[in-house]
Amino acid sequence: MAPGLQRFSDIAGDGAPRLDAASGEELVRVDRAASVALGRRSPEPPGTLFVTTRRVIWLSEEEKGKGYAVDFLAISLHAVSRDLEAYPSPCLYAQIEAEVATDEEAAESNPEANDELELSRVSELRIILGDPGQLDALFDVFCHCAELNPDPNAERNGENGWFHGEDMVDENGTQFSNANPIGQNGGYDLSQSVFELQINDQRFEDADEEQEIHENGH
């Protein structure tokens, strides 16, 4: 598994991240005035988001030399969320493959409560753009780059690359009711992996109707 969220400080003189040109890494998209929220923490002050063919990099404008990066191989799924009940700002939500703390470690510390964040345990990332109207375009770029970085274990494990929307919840147990669409890094056509998430799913409505009929003895 690729490392999860990491600190990033390899910044060129022009303020852009230095890319791994030797491995063919190329810049795909740049978003100014973009904030990131790690786990349950409040959003960072606006910075610049760089999406490359290999990873997502965010650099702070307020604190020079501060940044975060995550490889697409470590992003298990991503979704556009506009449900203000799920999160107060429209955002691109991503789940990150993170280290799982032992019971003893979890009891000793909260990785998101301290100023010195334990990035390896952060399992959620939210990207808040200055222009929310660009979220769908950013999602499309995430899908494209995820396809360039297929999970090497997906085919071996027989996964089909589809993620069922009714199972998508954040770490607080909140289900997205208006996160459309969703992509998963499983090595298949992510543009087809699109689901409309509705809490009041038709299947549950049908089940309620059947139960009501059964209780009324019809």
N, C-alpha and C. Protein backbone atom coordinates (compact mmCIF):
# COMPACT_ATOMS: atom_id res chain seq x y z
N MET A 1 0.85 -1.20 0.00
CA MET A 1 0.00 0.00 0.00
C MET A 1 0.88 1.25 0.00
N ALA A 2 0.52 2.25 -0.79
CA ALA A 2 1.28 3.49 -0.82
C ALA A 2 1.14 4.21 0.52
N PRO A 3 2.19 4.96 0.92
CA PRO A 3 2.08 5.74 2.15
C PRO A 3 0.88 6.67 2.08
N GLY A 4 0.29 6.98 3.23
CA GLY A 4 -0.86 7.87 3.25
C GLY A 4 -0.46 9.33 3.14
N LEU A 5 -1.16 10.17 3.86
CA LEU A 5 -0.89 11.60 3.83
C LEU A 5 0.51 11.86 4.40
N GLN A 6 1.25 12.75 3.72
CA GLN A 6 2.61 13.08 4.14
C GLN A 6 2.83 14.58 4.10
N ARG A 7 3.79 15.05 4.89
CA ARG A 7 4.19 16.44 4.78
C ARG A 7 4.98 16.62 3.49
N PHE A 8 4.87 17.83 2.92
CA PHE A 8 5.56 18.10 1.67
C PHE A 8 6.26 19.44 1.76
N SER A 9 7.55 19.46 1.45
CA SER A 9 8.31 20.71 1.53
C SER A 9 9.30 20.87 0.38
N ASP A 10 9.21 19.99 -0.63
CA ASP A 10 10.13 20.07 -1.76
C ASP A 10 9.58 21.08 -2.76
N ILE A 11 9.85 22.37 -2.46
CA ILE A 11 9.24 23.46 -3.21
C ILE A 11 10.31 24.24 -3.97
N ALA A 12 10.04 24.51 -5.23
CA ALA A 12 10.98 25.25 -6.07
C ALA A 12 10.92 26.74 -5.75
N GLY A 13 11.84 27.50 -6.34
CA GLY A 13 11.91 28.93 -6.07
C GLY A 13 10.69 29.69 -6.50
N ASP A 14 9.97 29.17 -7.49
CA ASP A 14 8.75 29.86 -7.96
C ASP A 14 7.52 29.50 -7.13
N GLY A 15 7.72 28.70 -6.09
CA GLY A 15 6.60 28.34 -5.21
C GLY A 15 5.85 27.10 -5.63
N ALA A 16 6.24 26.50 -6.73
CA ALA A 16 5.58 25.27 -7.19
C ALA A 16 6.32 24.05 -6.65
N PRO A 17 5.62 22.94 -6.52
CA PRO A 17 6.30 21.73 -6.03
C PRO A 17 7.26 21.16 -7.08
N ARG A 18 8.34 20.60 -6.61
CA ARG A 18 9.25 19.90 -7.54
C ARG A 18 8.67 18.52 -7.80
N LEU A 19 8.52 18.19 -9.07
CA LEU A 19 7.93 16.92 -9.46
C LEU A 19 9.02 15.91 -9.78
N ASP A 20 8.61 14.65 -9.76
CA ASP A 20 9.53 13.56 -10.06
C ASP A 20 9.52 13.32 -11.58
N ALA A 21 10.24 14.19 -12.29
CA ALA A 21 10.24 14.11 -13.74
C ALA A 21 10.84 12.80 -14.24
N ALA A 22 11.76 12.23 -13.47
CA ALA A 22 12.41 10.99 -13.89
C ALA A 22 11.41 9.85 -14.02
N SER A 23 10.34 9.90 -13.21
CA SER A 23 9.32 8.84 -13.27
C SER A 23 8.14 9.24 -14.15
N GLY A 24 8.27 10.39 -14.82
CA GLY A 24 7.21 10.82 -15.73
C GLY A 24 6.10 11.62 -15.09
N GLU A 25 6.29 12.07 -13.85
CA GLU A 25 5.24 12.85 -13.18
C GLU A 25 5.06 14.20 -13.87
N GLU A 26 3.80 14.56 -14.16
CA GLU A 26 3.48 15.81 -14.82
C GLU A 26 2.37 16.54 -14.08
N LEU A 27 2.40 17.85 -14.16
CA LEU A 27 1.35 18.67 -13.54
C LEU A 27 0.10 18.64 -14.41
N VAL A 28 -1.05 18.42 -13.78
CA VAL A 28 -2.32 18.31 -14.51
C VAL A 28 -3.24 19.50 -14.23
N ARG A 29 -3.27 19.94 -12.98
CA ARG A 29 -4.22 21.00 -12.62
C ARG A 29 -3.68 21.80 -11.42
N VAL A 30 -4.01 23.11 -11.42
CA VAL A 30 -3.65 23.99 -10.30
C VAL A 30 -4.89 24.76 -9.89
N ASP A 31 -5.16 24.81 -8.59
CA ASP A 31 -6.28 25.60 -8.05
C ASP A 31 -5.75 26.53 -6.97
N ARG A 32 -5.89 27.82 -7.19
CA ARG A 32 -5.51 28.81 -6.18
C ARG A 32 -6.64 28.96 -5.17
N ALA A 33 -6.33 29.56 -4.04
CA ALA A 33 -7.33 29.82 -2.99
C ALA A 33 -8.08 28.55 -2.60
N ALA A 34 -7.35 27.45 -2.48
CA ALA A 34 -7.94 26.17 -2.09
C ALA A 34 -7.54 25.84 -0.66
N SER A 35 -8.50 25.40 0.13
CA SER A 35 -8.24 24.98 1.50
C SER A 35 -8.36 23.48 1.61
N VAL A 36 -7.69 22.90 2.59
CA VAL A 36 -7.84 21.48 2.87
C VAL A 36 -8.18 21.30 4.34
N ALA A 37 -9.02 20.32 4.61
CA ALA A 37 -9.37 19.96 5.98
C ALA A 37 -8.95 18.50 6.18
N LEU A 38 -8.12 18.26 7.17
CA LEU A 38 -7.60 16.92 7.44
C LEU A 38 -8.40 16.29 8.57
N GLY A 39 -9.05 15.18 8.28
CA GLY A 39 -9.84 14.51 9.31
C GLY A 39 -10.91 15.44 9.86
N ARG A 40 -10.97 15.55 11.17
CA ARG A 40 -11.99 16.39 11.84
C ARG A 40 -11.50 17.82 12.07
N ARG A 41 -10.30 18.12 11.66
CA ARG A 41 -9.75 19.45 11.91
C ARG A 41 -10.42 20.50 11.04
N SER A 42 -10.33 21.76 11.49
CA SER A 42 -10.86 22.87 10.70
C SER A 42 -10.00 23.04 9.44
N PRO A 43 -10.57 23.65 8.40
CA PRO A 43 -9.80 23.84 7.18
C PRO A 43 -8.56 24.71 7.41
N GLU A 44 -7.51 24.39 6.70
CA GLU A 44 -6.31 25.21 6.71
C GLU A 44 -6.62 26.53 5.99
N PRO A 45 -5.88 27.61 6.30
CA PRO A 45 -6.04 28.83 5.52
C PRO A 45 -5.77 28.55 4.04
N PRO A 46 -6.37 29.31 3.14
CA PRO A 46 -6.24 29.00 1.71
C PRO A 46 -4.80 28.91 1.24
N GLY A 47 -4.58 27.97 0.33
CA GLY A 47 -3.28 27.78 -0.28
C GLY A 47 -3.48 27.42 -1.74
N THR A 48 -2.54 26.66 -2.29
CA THR A 48 -2.62 26.28 -3.69
C THR A 48 -2.63 24.76 -3.81
N LEU A 49 -3.55 24.25 -4.60
CA LEU A 49 -3.67 22.82 -4.83
C LEU A 49 -3.03 22.47 -6.18
N PHE A 50 -2.15 21.48 -6.16
CA PHE A 50 -1.51 20.99 -7.38
C PHE A 50 -1.89 19.51 -7.54
N VAL A 51 -2.45 19.18 -8.68
CA VAL A 51 -2.76 17.78 -8.97
C VAL A 51 -1.83 17.33 -10.08
N THR A 52 -1.09 16.26 -9.81
CA THR A 52 -0.17 15.74 -10.81
C THR A 52 -0.67 14.36 -11.27
N THR A 53 0.04 13.79 -12.19
CA THR A 53 -0.33 12.46 -12.67
C THR A 53 -0.10 11.39 -11.62
N ARG A 54 0.55 11.74 -10.51
CA ARG A 54 0.86 10.75 -9.49
C ARG A 54 0.26 11.04 -8.13
N ARG A 55 0.07 12.32 -7.79
CA ARG A 55 -0.34 12.67 -6.43
C ARG A 55 -1.06 14.00 -6.37
N VAL A 56 -1.59 14.27 -5.17
CA VAL A 56 -2.25 15.54 -4.86
C VAL A 56 -1.36 16.28 -3.86
N ILE A 57 -1.04 17.52 -4.17
CA ILE A 57 -0.15 18.32 -3.31
C ILE A 57 -0.85 19.62 -2.97
N TRP A 58 -0.83 19.98 -1.69
CA TRP A 58 -1.37 21.27 -1.27
C TRP A 58 -0.27 22.04 -0.55
N LEU A 59 -0.07 23.31 -0.94
CA LEU A 59 0.95 24.17 -0.33
C LEU A 59 0.29 25.39 0.30
N SER A 60 0.69 25.70 1.51
CA SER A 60 0.13 26.83 2.23
C SER A 60 0.67 28.14 1.67
N GLU A 61 -0.23 29.14 1.56
CA GLU A 61 0.19 30.48 1.18
C GLU A 61 0.61 31.27 2.41
N GLU A 62 -0.03 30.97 3.53
CA GLU A 62 0.22 31.72 4.77
C GLU A 62 1.54 31.31 5.43
N GLU A 63 1.83 30.02 5.41
CA GLU A 63 3.03 29.50 6.06
C GLU A 63 3.92 28.86 5.00
N LYS A 64 4.86 29.63 4.50
CA LYS A 64 5.72 29.17 3.41
C LYS A 64 6.51 27.92 3.85
N GLY A 65 6.60 26.97 2.95
CA GLY A 65 7.32 25.73 3.26
C GLY A 65 6.45 24.65 3.85
N LYS A 66 5.18 24.98 4.14
CA LYS A 66 4.26 24.00 4.70
C LYS A 66 3.40 23.42 3.59
N GLY A 67 3.28 22.11 3.59
CA GLY A 67 2.44 21.48 2.59
C GLY A 67 2.14 20.04 2.92
N TYR A 68 1.17 19.47 2.21
CA TYR A 68 0.79 18.07 2.37
C TYR A 68 0.71 17.42 0.99
N ALA A 69 0.94 16.13 0.95
CA ALA A 69 0.84 15.39 -0.30
C ALA A 69 0.31 14.00 -0.03
N VAL A 70 -0.41 13.46 -1.01
CA VAL A 70 -0.90 12.08 -0.91
C VAL A 70 -0.90 11.49 -2.32
N ASP A 71 -0.37 10.29 -2.45
CA ASP A 71 -0.37 9.60 -3.74
C ASP A 71 -1.77 9.14 -4.10
N PHE A 72 -2.09 9.09 -5.38
CA PHE A 72 -3.39 8.59 -5.79
C PHE A 72 -3.57 7.12 -5.40
N LEU A 73 -2.48 6.37 -5.30
CA LEU A 73 -2.59 4.98 -4.87
C LEU A 73 -3.11 4.86 -3.45
N ALA A 74 -2.96 5.92 -2.65
CA ALA A 74 -3.43 5.89 -1.26
C ALA A 74 -4.84 6.43 -1.10
N ILE A 75 -5.43 6.97 -2.18
CA ILE A 75 -6.80 7.49 -2.14
C ILE A 75 -7.74 6.38 -2.56
N SER A 76 -8.52 5.87 -1.62
CA SER A 76 -9.38 4.73 -1.92
C SER A 76 -10.66 5.13 -2.63
N LEU A 77 -11.16 6.36 -2.39
CA LEU A 77 -12.33 6.85 -3.12
C LEU A 77 -12.42 8.36 -2.96
N HIS A 78 -13.18 8.96 -3.83
CA HIS A 78 -13.38 10.41 -3.75
C HIS A 78 -14.78 10.74 -4.25
N ALA A 79 -15.31 11.86 -3.76
CA ALA A 79 -16.68 12.25 -4.12
C ALA A 79 -16.86 13.75 -3.97
N VAL A 80 -17.72 14.31 -4.81
CA VAL A 80 -18.13 15.70 -4.64
C VAL A 80 -19.29 15.74 -3.65
N SER A 81 -19.16 16.55 -2.63
CA SER A 81 -20.23 16.69 -1.64
C SER A 81 -20.71 18.14 -1.59
N ARG A 82 -22.00 18.31 -1.79
CA ARG A 82 -22.60 19.64 -1.69
C ARG A 82 -23.66 19.68 -0.59
N ASP A 83 -23.74 18.62 0.18
CA ASP A 83 -24.73 18.55 1.27
C ASP A 83 -24.19 19.30 2.48
N LEU A 84 -24.76 20.47 2.76
CA LEU A 84 -24.27 21.31 3.84
C LEU A 84 -24.60 20.73 5.21
N GLU A 85 -25.44 19.72 5.27
CA GLU A 85 -25.68 19.04 6.54
C GLU A 85 -24.55 18.05 6.83
N ALA A 86 -23.94 17.54 5.78
CA ALA A 86 -22.81 16.62 5.97
C ALA A 86 -21.53 17.39 6.27
N TYR A 87 -21.36 18.55 5.63
CA TYR A 87 -20.17 19.39 5.84
C TYR A 87 -20.56 20.82 5.48
N PRO A 88 -20.08 21.82 6.22
CA PRO A 88 -20.56 23.20 6.02
C PRO A 88 -20.16 23.86 4.71
N SER A 89 -19.26 23.27 3.94
CA SER A 89 -18.86 23.85 2.66
C SER A 89 -18.88 22.79 1.57
N PRO A 90 -19.26 23.14 0.36
CA PRO A 90 -19.11 22.19 -0.76
C PRO A 90 -17.63 21.81 -0.87
N CYS A 91 -17.37 20.55 -1.14
CA CYS A 91 -15.98 20.11 -1.15
C CYS A 91 -15.82 18.84 -1.97
N LEU A 92 -14.58 18.51 -2.23
CA LEU A 92 -14.25 17.20 -2.77
C LEU A 92 -13.75 16.38 -1.58
N TYR A 93 -14.46 15.32 -1.29
CA TYR A 93 -14.16 14.46 -0.15
C TYR A 93 -13.35 13.25 -0.62
N ALA A 94 -12.29 12.92 0.10
CA ALA A 94 -11.48 11.76 -0.26
C ALA A 94 -11.19 10.93 0.98
N GLN A 95 -11.25 9.62 0.82
CA GLN A 95 -10.83 8.71 1.88
C GLN A 95 -9.44 8.20 1.55
N ILE A 96 -8.58 8.19 2.58
CA ILE A 96 -7.18 7.85 2.41
C ILE A 96 -6.87 6.57 3.18
N GLU A 97 -6.12 5.69 2.56
CA GLU A 97 -5.65 4.49 3.26
C GLU A 97 -4.67 4.93 4.34
N ALA A 98 -5.04 4.74 5.59
CA ALA A 98 -4.23 5.23 6.71
C ALA A 98 -3.83 4.09 7.63
N GLU A 99 -2.82 4.35 8.44
CA GLU A 99 -2.41 3.38 9.44
C GLU A 99 -3.52 3.22 10.48
N VAL A 100 -3.71 2.00 10.94
CA VAL A 100 -4.71 1.74 11.97
C VAL A 100 -3.99 1.62 13.31
N ALA A 101 -4.39 2.47 14.26
CA ALA A 101 -3.75 2.46 15.56
C ALA A 101 -4.21 1.25 16.38
N THR A 102 -3.33 0.73 17.20
CA THR A 102 -3.71 -0.32 18.13
C THR A 102 -4.60 0.28 19.21
N ASP A 103 -5.29 -0.56 19.96
CA ASP A 103 -6.15 -0.07 21.05
C ASP A 103 -5.34 0.75 22.04
N GLU A 104 -4.12 0.31 22.31
CA GLU A 104 -3.27 1.02 23.27
C GLU A 104 -2.88 2.39 22.74
N GLU A 105 -2.52 2.45 21.46
CA GLU A 105 -2.14 3.73 20.87
C GLU A 105 -3.33 4.67 20.81
N ALA A 106 -4.50 4.13 20.47
CA ALA A 106 -5.70 4.96 20.38
C ALA A 106 -6.08 5.55 21.73
N ALA A 107 -5.85 4.79 22.79
CA ALA A 107 -6.18 5.26 24.13
C ALA A 107 -5.22 6.34 24.59
N GLU A 108 -3.99 6.30 24.09
CA GLU A 108 -2.97 7.24 24.54
C GLU A 108 -3.09 8.60 23.86
N SER A 109 -3.52 8.63 22.60
CA SER A 109 -3.56 9.91 21.90
C SER A 109 -4.59 9.90 20.79
N ASN A 110 -5.05 11.12 20.49
CA ASN A 110 -5.92 11.34 19.34
C ASN A 110 -5.06 11.97 18.25
N PRO A 111 -4.85 11.29 17.12
CA PRO A 111 -3.93 11.81 16.12
C PRO A 111 -4.33 13.14 15.52
N GLU A 112 -5.61 13.54 15.68
CA GLU A 112 -6.05 14.80 15.10
C GLU A 112 -6.26 15.88 16.15
N ALA A 113 -6.04 15.56 17.42
CA ALA A 113 -6.28 16.54 18.47
C ALA A 113 -5.04 17.37 18.76
N ASN A 114 -3.88 16.84 18.47
CA ASN A 114 -2.64 17.53 18.78
C ASN A 114 -2.22 18.44 17.64
N ASP A 115 -1.44 19.49 18.00
CA ASP A 115 -0.93 20.39 16.98
C ASP A 115 -0.03 19.63 16.00
N GLU A 116 0.75 18.70 16.52
CA GLU A 116 1.61 17.89 15.68
C GLU A 116 0.79 16.71 15.17
N LEU A 117 0.21 16.89 14.04
CA LEU A 117 -0.72 15.90 13.49
C LEU A 117 0.02 14.64 13.05
N GLU A 118 -0.51 13.49 13.43
CA GLU A 118 0.05 12.23 12.97
C GLU A 118 -0.58 11.92 11.62
N LEU A 119 0.07 12.38 10.58
CA LEU A 119 -0.51 12.31 9.24
C LEU A 119 -0.78 10.89 8.79
N SER A 120 0.05 9.94 9.22
CA SER A 120 -0.12 8.57 8.76
C SER A 120 -1.45 7.97 9.19
N ARG A 121 -2.12 8.60 10.18
CA ARG A 121 -3.40 8.08 10.65
C ARG A 121 -4.60 8.87 10.14
N VAL A 122 -4.35 9.92 9.38
CA VAL A 122 -5.46 10.72 8.84
C VAL A 122 -6.10 9.95 7.70
N SER A 123 -7.38 9.67 7.82
CA SER A 123 -8.08 8.84 6.84
C SER A 123 -9.04 9.62 5.95
N GLU A 124 -9.18 10.93 6.20
CA GLU A 124 -10.11 11.72 5.40
C GLU A 124 -9.48 13.06 5.02
N LEU A 125 -9.78 13.48 3.83
CA LEU A 125 -9.30 14.77 3.31
C LEU A 125 -10.44 15.45 2.59
N ARG A 126 -10.64 16.72 2.90
CA ARG A 126 -11.64 17.52 2.18
C ARG A 126 -10.94 18.69 1.53
N ILE A 127 -11.25 18.92 0.26
CA ILE A 127 -10.67 20.03 -0.49
C ILE A 127 -11.77 21.04 -0.77
N ILE A 128 -11.59 22.26 -0.26
CA ILE A 128 -12.58 23.32 -0.43
C ILE A 128 -12.01 24.35 -1.39
N LEU A 129 -12.62 24.50 -2.53
CA LEU A 129 -12.13 25.42 -3.55
C LEU A 129 -12.69 26.82 -3.36
N GLY A 130 -11.92 27.82 -3.80
CA GLY A 130 -12.43 29.19 -3.76
C GLY A 130 -13.64 29.35 -4.66
N ASP A 131 -13.67 28.58 -5.74
CA ASP A 131 -14.81 28.58 -6.66
C ASP A 131 -15.45 27.19 -6.63
N PRO A 132 -16.52 27.02 -5.86
CA PRO A 132 -17.15 25.69 -5.76
C PRO A 132 -17.63 25.16 -7.11
N GLY A 133 -17.83 26.03 -8.06
CA GLY A 133 -18.27 25.60 -9.38
C GLY A 133 -17.23 24.76 -10.11
N GLN A 134 -15.99 24.73 -9.60
CA GLN A 134 -14.93 23.96 -10.22
C GLN A 134 -14.80 22.55 -9.63
N LEU A 135 -15.67 22.20 -8.69
CA LEU A 135 -15.55 20.90 -8.03
C LEU A 135 -15.73 19.73 -8.99
N ASP A 136 -16.69 19.84 -9.89
CA ASP A 136 -16.91 18.74 -10.84
C ASP A 136 -15.70 18.56 -11.75
N ALA A 137 -15.10 19.67 -12.17
CA ALA A 137 -13.91 19.58 -13.02
C ALA A 137 -12.76 18.95 -12.25
N LEU A 138 -12.63 19.31 -10.98
CA LEU A 138 -11.59 18.71 -10.15
C LEU A 138 -11.83 17.22 -9.96
N PHE A 139 -13.09 16.85 -9.77
CA PHE A 139 -13.43 15.44 -9.65
C PHE A 139 -13.02 14.66 -10.91
N ASP A 140 -13.29 15.24 -12.08
CA ASP A 140 -12.93 14.57 -13.33
C ASP A 140 -11.42 14.36 -13.41
N VAL A 141 -10.65 15.34 -12.95
CA VAL A 141 -9.20 15.20 -12.95
C VAL A 141 -8.77 14.10 -11.99
N PHE A 142 -9.41 14.03 -10.82
CA PHE A 142 -9.11 12.95 -9.86
C PHE A 142 -9.37 11.59 -10.50
N CYS A 143 -10.50 11.46 -11.21
CA CYS A 143 -10.81 10.20 -11.87
C CYS A 143 -9.75 9.83 -12.90
N HIS A 144 -9.36 10.82 -13.70
CA HIS A 144 -8.36 10.57 -14.74
C HIS A 144 -7.04 10.12 -14.12
N CYS A 145 -6.60 10.82 -13.08
CA CYS A 145 -5.31 10.50 -12.47
C CYS A 145 -5.38 9.17 -11.70
N ALA A 146 -6.54 8.86 -11.13
CA ALA A 146 -6.68 7.57 -10.46
C ALA A 146 -6.58 6.44 -11.46
N GLU A 147 -7.10 6.64 -12.66
CA GLU A 147 -6.99 5.62 -13.70
C GLU A 147 -5.53 5.42 -14.13
N LEU A 148 -4.73 6.49 -14.02
CA LEU A 148 -3.31 6.38 -14.35
C LEU A 148 -2.53 5.64 -13.26
N ASN A 149 -3.16 5.49 -12.09
CA ASN A 149 -2.49 4.84 -10.96
C ASN A 149 -3.38 3.73 -10.40
N PRO A 150 -3.65 2.69 -11.17
CA PRO A 150 -4.54 1.62 -10.70
C PRO A 150 -3.96 0.88 -9.51
N ASP A 151 -4.84 0.44 -8.64
CA ASP A 151 -4.43 -0.34 -7.47
C ASP A 151 -3.87 -1.67 -7.95
N PRO A 152 -2.60 -1.96 -7.68
CA PRO A 152 -2.01 -3.21 -8.16
C PRO A 152 -2.61 -4.45 -7.53
N ASN A 153 -3.31 -4.29 -6.41
CA ASN A 153 -3.90 -5.44 -5.72
C ASN A 153 -5.35 -5.69 -6.13
N ALA A 154 -5.96 -4.74 -6.84
CA ALA A 154 -7.39 -4.84 -7.14
C ALA A 154 -7.70 -6.06 -7.99
N GLU A 155 -6.97 -6.22 -9.09
CA GLU A 155 -7.25 -7.34 -9.98
C GLU A 155 -6.91 -8.67 -9.32
N ARG A 156 -5.84 -8.67 -8.53
CA ARG A 156 -5.43 -9.89 -7.84
C ARG A 156 -6.49 -10.34 -6.84
N ASN A 157 -7.14 -9.37 -6.21
CA ASN A 157 -8.14 -9.71 -5.19
C ASN A 157 -9.54 -9.86 -5.77
N GLY A 158 -9.68 -9.71 -7.09
CA GLY A 158 -10.98 -9.91 -7.73
C GLY A 158 -11.93 -8.76 -7.52
N GLU A 159 -11.42 -7.55 -7.21
CA GLU A 159 -12.29 -6.41 -7.02
C GLU A 159 -12.73 -5.90 -8.38
N ASN A 160 -13.92 -5.31 -8.41
CA ASN A 160 -14.43 -4.85 -9.69
C ASN A 160 -14.35 -3.35 -9.86
N GLY A 161 -13.81 -2.65 -8.87
CA GLY A 161 -13.62 -1.22 -9.02
C GLY A 161 -14.86 -0.40 -8.80
N TRP A 162 -15.98 -1.02 -8.39
CA TRP A 162 -17.21 -0.28 -8.15
C TRP A 162 -17.41 -0.09 -6.66
N PHE A 163 -17.87 1.11 -6.31
CA PHE A 163 -18.14 1.41 -4.91
C PHE A 163 -19.61 1.72 -4.78
N HIS A 164 -20.28 1.02 -3.88
CA HIS A 164 -21.73 1.20 -3.73
C HIS A 164 -22.02 2.37 -2.81
N GLY A 165 -22.77 3.33 -3.34
CA GLY A 165 -22.99 4.58 -2.64
C GLY A 165 -23.59 4.43 -1.27
N GLU A 166 -24.45 3.43 -1.05
CA GLU A 166 -25.12 3.33 0.24
C GLU A 166 -24.15 2.98 1.36
N ASP A 167 -22.93 2.55 1.00
CA ASP A 167 -21.95 2.20 2.01
C ASP A 167 -21.01 3.34 2.34
N MET A 168 -21.14 4.49 1.68
CA MET A 168 -20.18 5.57 1.87
C MET A 168 -20.56 6.44 3.05
N VAL A 169 -19.74 6.41 4.08
CA VAL A 169 -19.93 7.24 5.25
C VAL A 169 -18.58 7.81 5.64
N ASP A 170 -18.60 8.96 6.33
CA ASP A 170 -17.33 9.49 6.80
C ASP A 170 -17.02 8.89 8.16
N GLU A 171 -15.91 9.32 8.78
CA GLU A 171 -15.47 8.67 10.02
C GLU A 171 -16.37 8.98 11.20
N ASN A 172 -17.29 9.94 11.04
CA ASN A 172 -18.27 10.22 12.09
C ASN A 172 -19.54 9.41 11.93
N GLY A 173 -19.58 8.57 10.88
CA GLY A 173 -20.77 7.77 10.63
C GLY A 173 -21.82 8.49 9.82
N THR A 174 -21.49 9.69 9.30
CA THR A 174 -22.44 10.47 8.52
C THR A 174 -22.44 9.98 7.08
N GLN A 175 -23.64 9.71 6.56
CA GLN A 175 -23.76 9.27 5.17
C GLN A 175 -24.02 10.47 4.29
N PHE A 176 -23.30 10.55 3.17
CA PHE A 176 -23.52 11.65 2.25
C PHE A 176 -24.83 11.46 1.53
N SER A 177 -25.70 12.47 1.59
CA SER A 177 -27.00 12.36 0.92
C SER A 177 -27.00 13.04 -0.44
N ASN A 178 -25.95 13.82 -0.73
CA ASN A 178 -25.92 14.50 -2.02
C ASN A 178 -24.49 14.59 -2.52
N ALA A 179 -23.79 13.48 -2.48
CA ALA A 179 -22.42 13.45 -2.97
C ALA A 179 -22.41 12.75 -4.32
N ASN A 180 -22.39 13.52 -5.36
CA ASN A 180 -22.48 12.96 -6.70
C ASN A 180 -21.46 13.66 -7.58
N PRO A 181 -20.52 12.92 -8.15
CA PRO A 181 -20.45 11.46 -8.18
C PRO A 181 -19.37 10.90 -7.27
N ILE A 182 -19.08 9.59 -7.41
CA ILE A 182 -18.07 8.92 -6.61
C ILE A 182 -17.15 8.14 -7.52
N GLY A 183 -15.88 8.13 -7.21
CA GLY A 183 -14.93 7.31 -7.95
C GLY A 183 -14.13 6.48 -6.98
N GLN A 184 -13.68 5.34 -7.41
CA GLN A 184 -12.82 4.50 -6.57
C GLN A 184 -11.60 4.09 -7.36
N ASN A 185 -10.45 4.07 -6.70
CA ASN A 185 -9.22 3.69 -7.36
C ASN A 185 -9.13 2.17 -7.37
N GLY A 186 -9.74 1.56 -8.38
CA GLY A 186 -9.70 0.11 -8.46
C GLY A 186 -9.18 -0.39 -9.79
N GLY A 187 -8.69 0.51 -10.63
CA GLY A 187 -8.09 0.09 -11.88
C GLY A 187 -9.08 -0.11 -13.01
N TYR A 188 -10.30 0.43 -12.88
CA TYR A 188 -11.30 0.27 -13.92
C TYR A 188 -11.80 1.65 -14.34
N ASP A 189 -12.77 1.71 -15.21
CA ASP A 189 -13.27 2.97 -15.74
C ASP A 189 -14.03 3.72 -14.66
N LEU A 190 -13.38 4.69 -14.04
CA LEU A 190 -14.01 5.41 -12.94
C LEU A 190 -15.13 6.32 -13.42
N SER A 191 -15.11 6.70 -14.69
CA SER A 191 -16.18 7.56 -15.18
C SER A 191 -17.52 6.85 -15.15
N GLN A 192 -17.50 5.52 -15.12
CA GLN A 192 -18.74 4.76 -15.03
C GLN A 192 -19.15 4.51 -13.59
N SER A 193 -18.22 4.78 -12.64
CA SER A 193 -18.51 4.49 -11.24
C SER A 193 -19.16 5.70 -10.59
N VAL A 194 -20.38 6.00 -11.02
CA VAL A 194 -21.09 7.18 -10.56
C VAL A 194 -22.40 6.76 -9.92
N PHE A 195 -22.62 7.26 -8.74
CA PHE A 195 -23.84 6.89 -8.01
C PHE A 195 -24.48 8.13 -7.41
N GLU A 196 -25.81 8.16 -7.41
CA GLU A 196 -26.57 9.20 -6.74
C GLU A 196 -26.89 8.69 -5.35
N LEU A 197 -26.31 9.33 -4.33
CA LEU A 197 -26.51 8.86 -2.96
C LEU A 197 -27.78 9.48 -2.40
N GLN A 198 -28.68 8.67 -1.96
CA GLN A 198 -29.91 9.12 -1.34
C GLN A 198 -30.13 8.31 -0.07
N ILE A 199 -30.25 9.01 1.07
CA ILE A 199 -30.46 8.31 2.33
C ILE A 199 -31.79 7.55 2.29
N ASN A 200 -32.80 8.22 1.74
CA ASN A 200 -34.10 7.56 1.61
C ASN A 200 -34.11 6.74 0.33
N ASP A 201 -33.34 5.72 0.31
CA ASP A 201 -33.22 4.86 -0.87
C ASP A 201 -34.55 4.18 -1.15
N GLN A 202 -34.86 4.01 -2.44
CA GLN A 202 -36.14 3.43 -2.83
C GLN A 202 -36.32 2.04 -2.24
N ARG A 203 -35.20 1.32 -2.08
CA ARG A 203 -35.32 -0.04 -1.53
C ARG A 203 -35.85 -0.02 -0.11
N PHE A 204 -35.42 1.01 0.65
CA PHE A 204 -35.91 1.10 2.02
C PHE A 204 -37.38 1.48 2.04
N GLU A 205 -37.77 2.34 1.08
CA GLU A 205 -39.19 2.72 1.02
C GLU A 205 -40.04 1.50 0.70
N ASP A 206 -39.56 0.67 -0.24
CA ASP A 206 -40.30 -0.53 -0.59
C ASP A 206 -40.39 -1.47 0.61
N ALA A 207 -39.29 -1.58 1.37
CA ALA A 207 -39.30 -2.46 2.54
C ALA A 207 -40.29 -1.98 3.58
N ASP A 208 -40.37 -0.63 3.75
CA ASP A 208 -41.32 -0.08 4.72
C ASP A 208 -42.75 -0.38 4.30
N GLU A 209 -43.01 -0.28 2.98
CA GLU A 209 -44.37 -0.55 2.50
C GLU A 209 -44.74 -2.00 2.72
N GLU A 210 -43.80 -2.90 2.46
CA GLU A 210 -44.07 -4.33 2.66
C GLU A 210 -44.33 -4.63 4.13
N GLN A 211 -43.55 -3.98 5.02
CA GLN A 211 -43.73 -4.23 6.45
C GLN A 211 -45.10 -3.73 6.91
N GLU A 212 -45.50 -2.53 6.37
CA GLU A 212 -46.79 -1.98 6.76
C GLU A 212 -47.93 -2.89 6.31
N ILE A 213 -47.82 -3.43 5.10
CA ILE A 213 -48.85 -4.34 4.59
C ILE A 213 -48.92 -5.58 5.46
N HIS A 214 -47.76 -6.12 5.83
CA HIS A 214 -47.72 -7.32 6.65
C HIS A 214 -48.34 -7.07 8.03
N GLU A 215 -48.07 -5.91 8.63
CA GLU A 215 -48.59 -5.60 9.95
C GLU A 215 -50.10 -5.40 9.92
N ASN A 216 -50.62 -4.92 8.78
CA ASN A 216 -52.06 -4.69 8.67
C ASN A 216 -52.81 -5.96 8.29
N GLY A 217 -52.06 -7.05 8.07
CA GLY A 217 -52.69 -8.32 7.79
C GLY A 217 -53.20 -8.50 6.39
N HIS A 218 -52.72 -7.68 5.44
CA HIS A 218 -53.17 -7.78 4.05
C HIS A 218 -52.25 -8.71 3.28
